[in-house]
């Protein structure tokens, strides 16, 4: 499994946004 730094950042950002939507 090889992911680029950018891909990891995008995934983490998406997860954070998802959490924000759920919390909101």
Protein backbone atom coordinates (compact mmCIF):
# COMPACT_ATOMS: atom_id res chain seq x y z
CA UNK A 1 0.00 0.00 0.00
CA UNK A 2 1.69 3.19 -1.15
CA UNK A 3 -0.06 6.52 -0.79
CA UNK A 4 1.38 9.91 -1.57
CA UNK A 5 1.42 12.62 1.08
CA UNK A 6 -1.18 14.57 -0.90
CA UNK A 7 -3.51 11.57 -1.04
CA UNK A 8 -3.22 11.07 2.72
CA UNK A 9 -3.94 14.76 3.35
CA UNK A 10 -7.00 14.63 1.08
CA UNK A 11 -8.35 11.53 2.83
CA UNK A 12 -7.77 13.01 6.28
CA UNK A 13 -9.40 16.27 5.22
CA UNK A 14 -12.43 14.38 3.91
CA UNK A 15 -12.71 12.46 7.19
CA UNK A 16 -12.43 15.69 9.20
CA UNK A 17 -15.11 17.33 7.05
CA UNK A 18 -17.32 14.26 7.48
CA UNK A 19 -16.91 14.42 11.26
CA UNK A 20 -17.76 18.13 11.18
CA UNK A 21 -20.94 17.46 9.20
CA UNK A 22 -21.94 14.66 11.59
CA UNK A 23 -21.19 16.82 14.65
CA UNK A 24 -23.02 19.82 13.20
